[in-house]
Amino acid sequence: MQAVSKSSSKHQIRFGTDGWRALIAKEFTYDNLDLVTRAISSYILNNFKEDRPIFIGYDARFLADKFAKFSAEIFNSYGIDVKLIAEPIATPVIAFAAQAEPSYGALMFTASHNPSEYMGIKFIPEYGGPATVEITNQILSETDKFADDKEAYSEKVSKLAHKATGSISKFDAKTPYVNYIKTVVDFDLLRKKNAEKQVKVIYDSLHGVGKNFVNKLLEEAGFNVTALHDTVDPTFGGSLPDPSVKRLTELKETVISEKAQLGAANDGDADRFAFLDDKGEFYPANKTLPIIAKYLAENKGFKGKIGRTLATTHLFDELAKKLNTETIETPVGFKWLCALMREQEMLLVAEESGGMSIKGHIPEKDGILAILLTAEVLAATGKTLSQLWNEVQDFVGKKYFYDRLDLHLDGEKKDEFVATFKNPELKNIGDFKVLKVDLTEGAKLYFENGSWLLARPSGTEAMCRVYFEGNDKAELDKLVETVEAMV
């Protein structure tokens, strides 16, 4: 399967695994935004015959509100009504709005966990999840047509409009989303459990929009919450709004000093998440999502399959067997998990980079829900993350260890590195015997000792990522060192 949209030589616009992201004033310009917005207008008018609005949201990034207003006026010029949020919002919240009532979908201005000098657009169709490759390819094709002759093609698209001009109105995306979340997370149980023994949570929004939701909902559920970086800041405090272990030093220190049971963090637009346990140990999606899946099945009676990307823990495969269900593996990118949720009954879908959704919810990453559910598991069971993680491993009968290398490689070097692993005749990597090479995306190598690695180039950055998993930590560390030495 193709993980990203086709590219074009006519402009600098390219849709990666989750939208278009680029440097502000370099590739992300008003001229390119004009092309993209007109292309989405054309896609809408060619595919929908009835009159609906499009939602537009934005996070706290520099110029995000200005870019949103600029796009809104272009939509209006094609007779498309716009519902524009009144304040910075989280991606899962605008995605929920897109599918909660008839709409053309939503446009979200965010670059997620990328540095503050980046801006991006996620086009979220009417089903409330990432656009498919077919949709983004269609949009990119439309940008080419506008780039060829904007005036002539614009006139052609205008003839498809349902009315001469559209309107812009403000709307509240927060209230419907919060009301819905309260039907998924058991607030009555949490208030009762926290009244008996209050769970202390340290929450770090990393200066992103999660602070408008997570800490307030946790407090309402009775948790004792301390919020860090609790101001929306376009520069994200001069750091990266990415909840990786290196970015959560202050969260770790605060969890330990305040003797909290849980540390939690979101990225800039709150669609991703990460955790720290009561000892300050980092818990990424690969360790927390199996805990949530087991809890949903055993405590809430959830049924369905489990979806995971190529790069996500194989612990899910063993867990699914124990829960009398199965896993489905997809390429990297939440759009593939979104497709599963739209087509089949899925208990939970997961990606290692901090993306998840559950049965009955929107087919979009939701880092707000991930934190609330994890907090619910801790309060309901009275256990720590480390205890819950050990329980999951005992339940499936194996230990699991995971690692990842983010290698900064440009152009040909990136392709050459990945090509090293793509040889189907490859027999070994150092001391590790290769059993199989899977070329579904990048190269996924399965080794005789039960471990695996996935090497794949980033679709949007000068970077190659290598993901590793095994059941023996010493052997996995050695495999990581062997691959790192190859660069």
Protein backbone atom coordinates (compact mmCIF):
# COMPACT_ATOMS: atom_id res chain seq x y z
CA MET A 1 0.00 0.00 0.00
CA GLN A 2 1.06 3.56 -0.65
CA ALA A 3 1.57 5.47 2.59
CA VAL A 4 1.65 9.01 1.23
CA SER A 5 0.05 10.83 -1.66
CA LYS A 6 1.71 11.30 -5.01
CA SER A 7 4.00 14.31 -5.36
CA SER A 8 3.87 17.17 -7.85
CA SER A 9 6.57 19.17 -9.61
CA LYS A 10 4.28 22.20 -10.06
CA HIS A 11 4.37 23.35 -6.43
CA GLN A 12 5.80 22.36 -3.04
CA ILE A 13 2.64 20.73 -1.66
CA ARG A 14 2.75 17.10 -0.57
CA PHE A 15 0.43 15.15 1.67
CA GLY A 16 2.22 12.80 4.07
CA THR A 17 0.77 10.16 6.38
CA ASP A 18 -1.41 12.79 8.07
CA GLY A 19 -1.85 15.95 6.00
CA TRP A 20 0.44 18.59 4.54
CA ARG A 21 3.14 20.14 6.76
CA ALA A 22 5.80 22.65 5.79
CA LEU A 23 7.93 25.54 7.02
CA ILE A 24 6.01 28.78 7.39
CA ALA A 25 7.02 31.34 4.72
CA LYS A 26 9.05 28.74 2.80
CA GLU A 27 6.61 26.11 1.50
CA PHE A 28 3.65 26.97 3.72
CA THR A 29 2.78 30.29 2.08
CA TYR A 30 -0.47 32.10 1.39
CA ASP A 31 -0.02 31.26 -2.31
CA ASN A 32 0.21 27.53 -1.62
CA LEU A 33 -2.61 27.71 0.93
CA ASP A 34 -4.71 29.43 -1.74
CA LEU A 35 -4.07 26.46 -4.08
CA VAL A 36 -4.90 23.86 -1.42
CA THR A 37 -8.10 25.58 -0.30
CA ARG A 38 -9.35 25.99 -3.87
CA ALA A 39 -8.47 22.34 -4.55
CA ILE A 40 -10.46 21.20 -1.50
CA SER A 41 -13.35 23.41 -2.65
CA SER A 42 -13.25 21.69 -6.03
CA TYR A 43 -13.11 18.25 -4.39
CA ILE A 44 -16.16 19.14 -2.27
CA LEU A 45 -18.24 20.55 -5.12
CA ASN A 46 -17.42 17.61 -7.37
CA ASN A 47 -18.37 15.02 -4.75
CA PHE A 48 -21.29 16.53 -2.84
CA LYS A 49 -24.53 17.69 -4.43
CA GLU A 50 -26.22 18.96 -1.25
CA ASP A 51 -25.39 22.15 0.63
CA ARG A 52 -23.43 21.61 3.86
CA PRO A 53 -20.91 23.63 5.90
CA ILE A 54 -17.21 22.91 6.37
CA PHE A 55 -15.66 23.26 9.83
CA ILE A 56 -12.34 25.06 10.26
CA GLY A 57 -10.20 24.73 13.36
CA TYR A 58 -6.68 25.70 14.36
CA ASP A 59 -4.23 25.15 17.18
CA ALA A 60 -2.01 27.71 18.93
CA ARG A 61 0.65 28.01 16.21
CA PHE A 62 1.88 31.28 14.77
CA LEU A 63 -0.58 32.69 12.18
CA ALA A 64 -2.89 29.67 12.51
CA ASP A 65 -5.97 31.84 13.07
CA LYS A 66 -5.01 34.11 10.14
CA PHE A 67 -4.52 31.13 7.81
CA ALA A 68 -7.89 29.75 8.92
CA LYS A 69 -9.69 33.03 8.13
CA PHE A 70 -7.92 33.21 4.74
CA SER A 71 -9.16 29.73 3.79
CA ALA A 72 -12.66 30.51 5.07
CA GLU A 73 -12.95 33.45 2.67
CA ILE A 74 -11.87 31.28 -0.28
CA PHE A 75 -14.49 28.66 0.59
CA ASN A 76 -17.07 31.46 0.77
CA SER A 77 -16.13 32.60 -2.73
CA TYR A 78 -17.31 29.17 -3.97
CA GLY A 79 -20.60 29.40 -2.05
CA ILE A 80 -19.42 27.11 0.78
CA ASP A 81 -20.52 28.02 4.31
CA VAL A 82 -17.84 27.89 6.99
CA LYS A 83 -18.18 27.16 10.70
CA LEU A 84 -15.04 28.68 12.23
CA ILE A 85 -14.00 27.92 15.81
CA ALA A 86 -13.70 30.83 18.20
CA GLU A 87 -10.48 29.67 19.94
CA PRO A 88 -7.58 27.21 19.47
CA ILE A 89 -8.85 23.64 19.50
CA ALA A 90 -7.56 20.06 19.58
CA THR A 91 -7.59 17.94 16.42
CA PRO A 92 -9.83 15.17 17.87
CA VAL A 93 -12.36 17.83 18.90
CA ILE A 94 -12.68 19.31 15.41
CA ALA A 95 -12.77 15.77 13.98
CA PHE A 96 -15.67 14.96 16.29
CA ALA A 97 -17.49 18.06 15.05
CA ALA A 98 -16.97 17.02 11.43
CA GLN A 99 -18.97 13.81 11.86
CA ALA A 100 -21.43 14.90 14.54
CA GLU A 101 -23.69 16.63 12.03
CA PRO A 102 -23.90 16.77 8.21
CA SER A 103 -20.81 18.58 6.90
CA TYR A 104 -18.20 18.52 4.17
CA GLY A 105 -15.69 17.67 6.87
CA ALA A 106 -13.13 19.90 8.56
CA LEU A 107 -9.91 21.73 7.89
CA MET A 108 -7.52 21.72 10.85
CA PHE A 109 -4.52 24.07 10.87
CA THR A 110 -1.78 22.34 12.86
CA ALA A 111 1.65 20.82 12.47
CA SER A 112 0.99 18.47 15.39
CA HIS A 113 4.29 17.60 17.15
CA ASN A 114 6.58 19.41 14.67
CA PRO A 115 8.63 22.50 15.66
CA SER A 116 6.91 25.87 16.02
CA GLU A 117 8.22 27.17 12.68
CA TYR A 118 6.07 24.57 10.89
CA MET A 119 2.42 24.85 9.89
CA GLY A 120 0.19 22.23 8.36
CA ILE A 121 -3.29 21.30 7.23
CA LYS A 122 -5.23 18.16 8.03
CA PHE A 123 -8.27 17.71 5.80
CA ILE A 124 -10.71 15.60 7.81
CA PRO A 125 -13.58 14.31 5.63
CA GLU A 126 -17.17 14.05 6.82
CA TYR A 127 -16.54 10.69 8.56
CA GLY A 128 -14.29 12.37 11.16
CA GLY A 129 -10.91 10.77 10.42
CA PRO A 130 -7.83 11.23 8.21
CA ALA A 131 -8.36 11.63 4.49
CA THR A 132 -7.65 8.53 2.44
CA VAL A 133 -4.83 8.45 -0.11
CA GLU A 134 -7.51 8.50 -2.83
CA ILE A 135 -8.93 11.75 -1.43
CA THR A 136 -5.54 13.44 -0.97
CA ASN A 137 -4.47 12.40 -4.46
CA GLN A 138 -7.65 13.91 -5.84
CA ILE A 139 -7.00 17.14 -3.94
CA LEU A 140 -3.39 17.24 -5.13
CA SER A 141 -4.57 16.73 -8.70
CA GLU A 142 -6.88 19.71 -8.27
CA THR A 143 -4.00 21.86 -6.99
CA ASP A 144 -2.15 21.07 -10.24
CA LYS A 145 -5.12 22.30 -12.27
CA PHE A 146 -5.28 25.58 -10.33
CA ALA A 147 -1.50 25.98 -10.62
CA ASP A 148 -1.78 25.66 -14.42
CA ASP A 149 -4.37 28.45 -14.81
CA LYS A 150 -5.99 29.60 -11.58
CA GLU A 151 -8.38 32.10 -13.10
CA ALA A 152 -9.76 29.82 -15.82
CA TYR A 153 -10.07 26.75 -13.59
CA SER A 154 -11.54 28.79 -10.74
CA GLU A 155 -14.30 29.96 -13.05
CA LYS A 156 -15.02 26.35 -14.01
CA VAL A 157 -15.23 25.25 -10.36
CA SER A 158 -17.47 28.22 -9.50
CA LYS A 159 -20.11 26.84 -11.86
CA LEU A 160 -20.46 23.82 -9.54
CA ALA A 161 -21.29 26.04 -6.53
CA HIS A 162 -24.70 25.65 -4.89
CA LYS A 163 -24.96 29.41 -4.31
CA ALA A 164 -23.12 32.62 -5.15
CA THR A 165 -21.43 33.21 -1.78
CA GLY A 166 -21.06 31.40 1.52
CA SER A 167 -21.09 32.67 5.08
CA ILE A 168 -18.78 32.44 8.11
CA SER A 169 -20.22 31.70 11.54
CA LYS A 170 -18.56 30.91 14.86
CA PHE A 171 -19.32 27.62 16.60
CA ASP A 172 -18.60 25.79 19.85
CA ALA A 173 -16.80 22.50 19.19
CA LYS A 174 -15.84 21.94 22.82
CA THR A 175 -19.21 21.33 24.49
CA PRO A 176 -20.48 18.51 22.20
CA TYR A 177 -17.12 16.73 22.42
CA VAL A 178 -16.91 16.98 26.21
CA ASN A 179 -20.50 15.77 26.59
CA TYR A 180 -19.71 12.76 24.42
CA ILE A 181 -16.47 11.91 26.27
CA LYS A 182 -18.50 11.73 29.49
CA THR A 183 -20.50 8.87 27.97
CA VAL A 184 -17.29 6.93 27.19
CA VAL A 185 -15.30 7.55 30.37
CA ASP A 186 -17.10 6.52 33.57
CA PHE A 187 -17.11 9.80 35.52
CA ASP A 188 -19.44 8.43 38.23
CA LEU A 189 -17.04 5.57 38.92
CA LEU A 190 -14.06 7.93 38.93
CA ARG A 191 -15.65 10.35 41.39
CA LYS A 192 -16.50 7.43 43.68
CA LYS A 193 -13.02 5.88 43.47
CA ASN A 194 -11.28 9.25 43.90
CA ALA A 195 -13.44 9.98 46.94
CA GLU A 196 -12.16 6.74 48.49
CA LYS A 197 -8.52 7.19 47.44
CA GLN A 198 -7.65 10.16 45.26
CA VAL A 199 -5.28 9.55 42.37
CA LYS A 200 -2.74 12.30 41.78
CA VAL A 201 -1.98 13.17 38.15
CA ILE A 202 0.61 15.58 36.75
CA TYR A 203 -0.45 16.79 33.31
CA ASP A 204 1.87 18.49 30.79
CA SER A 205 0.19 20.07 27.76
CA LEU A 206 3.61 21.19 26.44
CA HIS A 207 2.00 24.61 25.83
CA GLY A 208 -0.50 23.01 23.45
CA VAL A 209 -4.29 22.99 23.26
CA GLY A 210 -4.72 19.92 25.46
CA LYS A 211 -4.76 22.23 28.47
CA ASN A 212 -8.26 23.34 27.52
CA PHE A 213 -9.52 19.80 28.02
CA VAL A 214 -7.45 17.20 29.86
CA ASN A 215 -6.69 18.79 33.21
CA LYS A 216 -10.22 20.23 33.52
CA LEU A 217 -11.89 16.89 32.75
CA LEU A 218 -9.57 15.08 35.16
CA GLU A 219 -10.41 17.57 37.90
CA GLU A 220 -14.12 17.15 37.20
CA ALA A 221 -13.66 13.38 37.63
CA GLY A 222 -12.16 13.94 41.08
CA PHE A 223 -8.45 13.56 40.35
CA ASN A 224 -5.85 15.69 42.12
CA VAL A 225 -4.28 17.45 39.13
CA THR A 226 -1.16 19.57 38.77
CA ALA A 227 -0.83 21.20 35.33
CA LEU A 228 2.52 22.06 33.75
CA HIS A 229 3.12 24.53 30.88
CA ASP A 230 -0.51 25.51 31.22
CA THR A 231 -0.44 28.41 28.75
CA VAL A 232 -1.08 28.22 25.02
CA ASP A 233 2.16 29.43 23.42
CA PRO A 234 2.91 29.59 19.64
CA THR A 235 6.59 28.85 20.38
CA PHE A 236 5.77 25.97 22.75
CA GLY A 237 8.13 27.47 25.30
CA GLY A 238 10.99 27.33 22.80
CA SER A 239 10.84 23.54 22.69
CA LEU A 240 9.22 20.83 20.60
CA PRO A 241 5.56 19.97 21.37
CA ASP A 242 6.35 16.26 21.22
CA PRO A 243 5.66 14.04 24.26
CA SER A 244 8.88 12.07 23.86
CA VAL A 245 11.02 11.00 26.78
CA LYS A 246 13.59 13.77 26.23
CA ARG A 247 10.86 16.47 26.31
CA LEU A 248 9.31 15.31 29.57
CA THR A 249 12.15 15.96 32.02
CA GLU A 250 10.15 18.48 34.08
CA LEU A 251 7.14 16.17 34.10
CA LYS A 252 9.32 13.35 35.43
CA GLU A 253 10.81 15.55 38.15
CA THR A 254 7.35 16.74 39.21
CA VAL A 255 5.85 13.22 39.29
CA ILE A 256 8.67 12.09 41.57
CA SER A 257 8.73 15.18 43.81
CA GLU A 258 4.94 15.28 44.26
CA LYS A 259 4.64 11.48 44.62
CA ALA A 260 2.03 11.33 41.87
CA GLN A 261 0.58 8.08 40.57
CA LEU A 262 0.58 9.20 36.91
CA GLY A 263 2.28 11.68 34.60
CA ALA A 264 0.57 12.41 31.28
CA ALA A 265 1.34 14.60 28.27
CA ASN A 266 -0.07 15.52 24.86
CA ASP A 267 1.53 16.94 21.75
CA GLY A 268 0.68 20.38 20.35
CA ASP A 269 -2.76 19.51 18.95
CA ALA A 270 -3.55 16.82 21.56
CA ASP A 271 -4.00 13.91 19.18
CA ARG A 272 -0.93 12.10 20.59
CA PHE A 273 -0.01 11.17 24.16
CA ALA A 274 2.59 9.61 26.46
CA PHE A 275 2.77 8.67 30.14
CA LEU A 276 5.12 8.35 33.09
CA ASP A 277 4.49 5.92 35.93
CA ASP A 278 4.76 6.72 39.62
CA LYS A 279 8.55 6.21 39.49
CA GLY A 280 8.96 8.57 36.52
CA GLU A 281 9.52 5.77 34.00
CA PHE A 282 8.42 6.58 30.44
CA TYR A 283 5.39 4.69 29.12
CA PRO A 284 4.75 5.13 25.39
CA ALA A 285 1.74 3.87 23.44
CA ASN A 286 3.28 0.41 23.01
CA LYS A 287 3.05 -0.14 26.77
CA THR A 288 -0.14 1.74 27.66
CA LEU A 289 -2.50 0.83 24.81
CA PRO A 290 -2.40 -2.92 25.55
CA ILE A 291 -3.39 -2.02 29.13
CA ILE A 292 -6.35 0.00 27.82
CA ALA A 293 -7.38 -2.75 25.37
CA LYS A 294 -7.39 -5.38 28.12
CA TYR A 295 -9.39 -3.09 30.42
CA LEU A 296 -11.97 -2.28 27.74
CA ALA A 297 -12.48 -5.98 27.01
CA GLU A 298 -12.56 -7.23 30.58
CA ASN A 299 -14.18 -4.33 32.43
CA LYS A 300 -16.39 -2.66 29.82
CA GLY A 301 -17.29 -5.67 27.70
CA PHE A 302 -15.88 -4.26 24.46
CA LYS A 303 -15.82 -6.65 21.51
CA GLY A 304 -14.01 -6.43 18.19
CA LYS A 305 -10.65 -6.82 16.52
CA ILE A 306 -7.47 -4.89 17.34
CA GLY A 307 -5.77 -2.85 14.65
CA ARG A 308 -2.09 -1.94 14.78
CA THR A 309 0.41 -0.47 12.34
CA LEU A 310 3.55 -2.25 11.13
CA ALA A 311 5.61 -0.35 13.69
CA THR A 312 3.42 -1.11 16.68
CA THR A 313 4.01 -3.79 19.31
CA HIS A 314 3.26 -7.42 18.44
CA LEU A 315 2.12 -7.90 22.03
CA PHE A 316 -1.30 -7.04 20.61
CA ASP A 317 -1.21 -10.26 18.56
CA GLU A 318 -0.84 -12.39 21.70
CA LEU A 319 -3.34 -10.24 23.62
CA ALA A 320 -5.93 -10.65 20.87
CA LYS A 321 -5.60 -14.44 21.06
CA LYS A 322 -6.20 -14.35 24.82
CA LEU A 323 -9.27 -12.16 24.25
CA ASN A 324 -10.58 -14.53 21.53
CA THR A 325 -10.20 -12.00 18.76
CA GLU A 326 -7.55 -11.10 16.17
CA THR A 327 -5.21 -8.30 15.13
CA ILE A 328 -5.00 -6.62 11.75
CA GLU A 329 -1.69 -5.06 10.69
CA THR A 330 -1.66 -1.93 8.52
CA PRO A 331 1.00 0.35 7.01
CA VAL A 332 2.23 3.25 9.16
CA GLY A 333 -0.21 6.15 9.37
CA PHE A 334 -3.52 6.51 11.17
CA LYS A 335 -5.42 6.77 7.88
CA TRP A 336 -5.10 2.98 7.53
CA LEU A 337 -6.45 2.42 11.05
CA CYS A 338 -9.23 4.87 10.25
CA ALA A 339 -10.21 2.68 7.29
CA LEU A 340 -10.40 -0.36 9.57
CA MET A 341 -12.69 1.46 11.99
CA ARG A 342 -15.00 2.47 9.16
CA GLU A 343 -15.16 -1.05 7.71
CA GLN A 344 -15.05 -3.45 10.69
CA GLU A 345 -15.85 -3.76 14.37
CA MET A 346 -12.63 -2.72 16.10
CA LEU A 347 -12.12 -2.89 19.85
CA LEU A 348 -9.12 -0.55 19.64
CA VAL A 349 -6.69 0.72 17.01
CA ALA A 350 -3.12 1.67 17.88
CA GLU A 351 0.05 3.21 16.50
CA GLU A 352 3.34 3.34 18.36
CA SER A 353 3.78 7.09 17.88
CA GLY A 354 0.97 7.80 20.32
CA GLY A 355 -2.20 7.40 18.29
CA MET A 356 -5.33 5.54 19.35
CA SER A 357 -9.08 5.33 19.06
CA ILE A 358 -11.65 2.87 20.35
CA LYS A 359 -14.90 1.23 19.35
CA GLY A 360 -17.73 3.74 18.89
CA HIS A 361 -15.42 6.76 18.80
CA ILE A 362 -14.23 8.87 15.86
CA PRO A 363 -11.75 7.14 13.50
CA GLU A 364 -9.08 9.71 14.43
CA LYS A 365 -6.21 9.84 16.92
CA ASP A 366 -7.42 11.11 20.28
CA GLY A 367 -4.78 11.85 22.91
CA ILE A 368 -7.36 13.42 25.23
CA LEU A 369 -9.39 10.21 25.43
CA ALA A 370 -6.21 8.12 25.83
CA ILE A 371 -5.23 10.04 28.96
CA LEU A 372 -8.72 9.94 30.48
CA LEU A 373 -9.03 6.19 29.87
CA THR A 374 -5.61 5.49 31.37
CA ALA A 375 -6.51 7.57 34.41
CA GLU A 376 -9.75 5.57 34.66
CA VAL A 377 -7.84 2.27 34.62
CA LEU A 378 -5.58 3.44 37.46
CA ALA A 379 -8.45 4.74 39.58
CA ALA A 380 -10.71 1.75 38.93
CA THR A 381 -8.05 -0.88 39.68
CA GLY A 382 -6.07 0.96 42.33
CA LYS A 383 -2.87 -0.16 40.58
CA THR A 384 0.15 1.62 39.11
CA LEU A 385 1.12 1.61 35.44
CA SER A 386 4.06 -0.70 36.13
CA GLN A 387 1.79 -3.19 37.90
CA LEU A 388 -0.71 -3.07 35.03
CA TRP A 389 2.06 -3.49 32.44
CA ASN A 390 3.42 -6.55 34.26
CA GLU A 391 -0.11 -7.97 34.41
CA VAL A 392 -0.52 -7.62 30.64
CA GLN A 393 2.80 -9.35 29.98
CA ASP A 394 1.91 -12.14 32.41
CA PHE A 395 -1.49 -12.45 30.74
CA VAL A 396 0.07 -13.00 27.29
CA GLY A 397 2.95 -15.07 28.67
CA LYS A 398 5.86 -13.05 27.25
CA LYS A 399 8.03 -10.05 28.07
CA TYR A 400 8.24 -7.30 25.45
CA PHE A 401 10.97 -4.69 24.90
CA TYR A 402 10.86 -1.90 22.34
CA ASP A 403 13.23 0.73 20.93
CA ARG A 404 13.39 3.24 18.09
CA LEU A 405 16.14 5.07 16.22
CA ASP A 406 15.41 8.43 14.57
CA LEU A 407 18.23 8.82 12.06
CA HIS A 408 18.70 12.18 10.38
CA LEU A 409 19.49 11.22 6.79
CA ASP A 410 18.85 13.34 3.72
CA GLY A 411 17.94 12.51 0.12
CA GLU A 412 19.92 9.63 -1.35
CA LYS A 413 21.45 8.65 2.01
CA LYS A 414 17.97 7.98 3.39
CA ASP A 415 17.03 5.79 0.42
CA GLU A 416 20.40 3.99 0.44
CA PHE A 417 20.06 3.15 4.12
CA VAL A 418 16.58 1.65 3.73
CA ALA A 419 17.69 -0.22 0.58
CA THR A 420 20.20 -2.09 2.76
CA PHE A 421 17.31 -3.91 4.43
CA LYS A 422 15.20 -4.46 1.31
CA ASN A 423 17.28 -7.27 -0.18
CA PRO A 424 15.03 -10.40 -0.04
CA GLU A 425 18.22 -12.51 0.02
CA LEU A 426 19.45 -10.80 3.21
CA LYS A 427 20.66 -13.55 5.57
CA ASN A 428 21.69 -11.70 8.70
CA ILE A 429 22.21 -8.34 10.41
CA GLY A 430 25.34 -8.78 12.49
CA ASP A 431 24.79 -11.83 14.65
CA PHE A 432 21.05 -11.92 14.01
CA LYS A 433 19.68 -14.38 11.46
CA VAL A 434 16.95 -12.99 9.18
CA LEU A 435 13.95 -15.28 8.63
CA LYS A 436 11.81 -13.02 6.46
CA VAL A 437 11.83 -9.57 4.80
CA ASP A 438 8.43 -7.87 4.46
CA LEU A 439 8.37 -4.98 1.94
CA THR A 440 4.80 -3.81 2.58
CA GLU A 441 6.26 -0.47 3.64
CA GLY A 442 9.95 0.22 3.99
CA ALA A 443 11.53 -3.06 5.12
CA LYS A 444 10.38 -5.15 8.07
CA LEU A 445 12.84 -7.88 9.06
CA TYR A 446 11.85 -10.85 11.21
CA PHE A 447 14.70 -12.58 13.07
CA GLU A 448 15.21 -16.14 14.26
CA ASN A 449 15.20 -15.12 17.93
CA GLY A 450 11.66 -13.69 17.62
CA SER A 451 12.65 -10.02 17.38
CA TRP A 452 11.89 -7.72 14.44
CA LEU A 453 12.84 -4.34 13.04
CA LEU A 454 11.15 -1.97 10.62
CA ALA A 455 13.22 0.57 8.64
CA ARG A 456 11.21 3.23 6.82
CA PRO A 457 11.98 6.70 5.45
CA SER A 458 9.88 9.60 6.67
CA GLY A 459 7.49 10.94 4.07
CA THR A 460 7.85 14.54 5.28
CA GLU A 461 11.24 14.86 7.02
CA ALA A 462 14.93 14.25 6.27
CA MET A 463 14.82 11.25 8.53
CA CYS A 464 14.73 7.48 8.58
CA ARG A 465 13.11 5.69 11.50
CA VAL A 466 13.98 2.20 12.62
CA TYR A 467 11.63 0.43 15.03
CA PHE A 468 12.68 -2.62 17.08
CA GLU A 469 10.94 -5.15 19.28
CA GLY A 470 12.03 -8.33 21.02
CA ASN A 471 11.46 -10.53 24.05
CA ASP A 472 15.02 -10.28 25.41
CA LYS A 473 16.30 -6.83 26.33
CA ALA A 474 20.02 -7.62 26.09
CA GLU A 475 19.64 -9.11 22.61
CA LEU A 476 17.44 -6.22 21.46
CA ASP A 477 19.98 -3.66 22.71
CA LYS A 478 22.66 -5.47 20.72
CA LEU A 479 20.51 -5.41 17.56
CA VAL A 480 19.90 -1.67 17.98
CA GLU A 481 23.64 -1.04 18.39
CA THR A 482 24.39 -3.12 15.27
CA VAL A 483 21.94 -1.12 13.13
CA GLU A 484 23.12 2.22 14.55
CA ALA A 485 26.70 1.31 13.60
CA MET A 486 25.57 0.82 9.98
CA VAL A 487 24.80 4.52 9.51
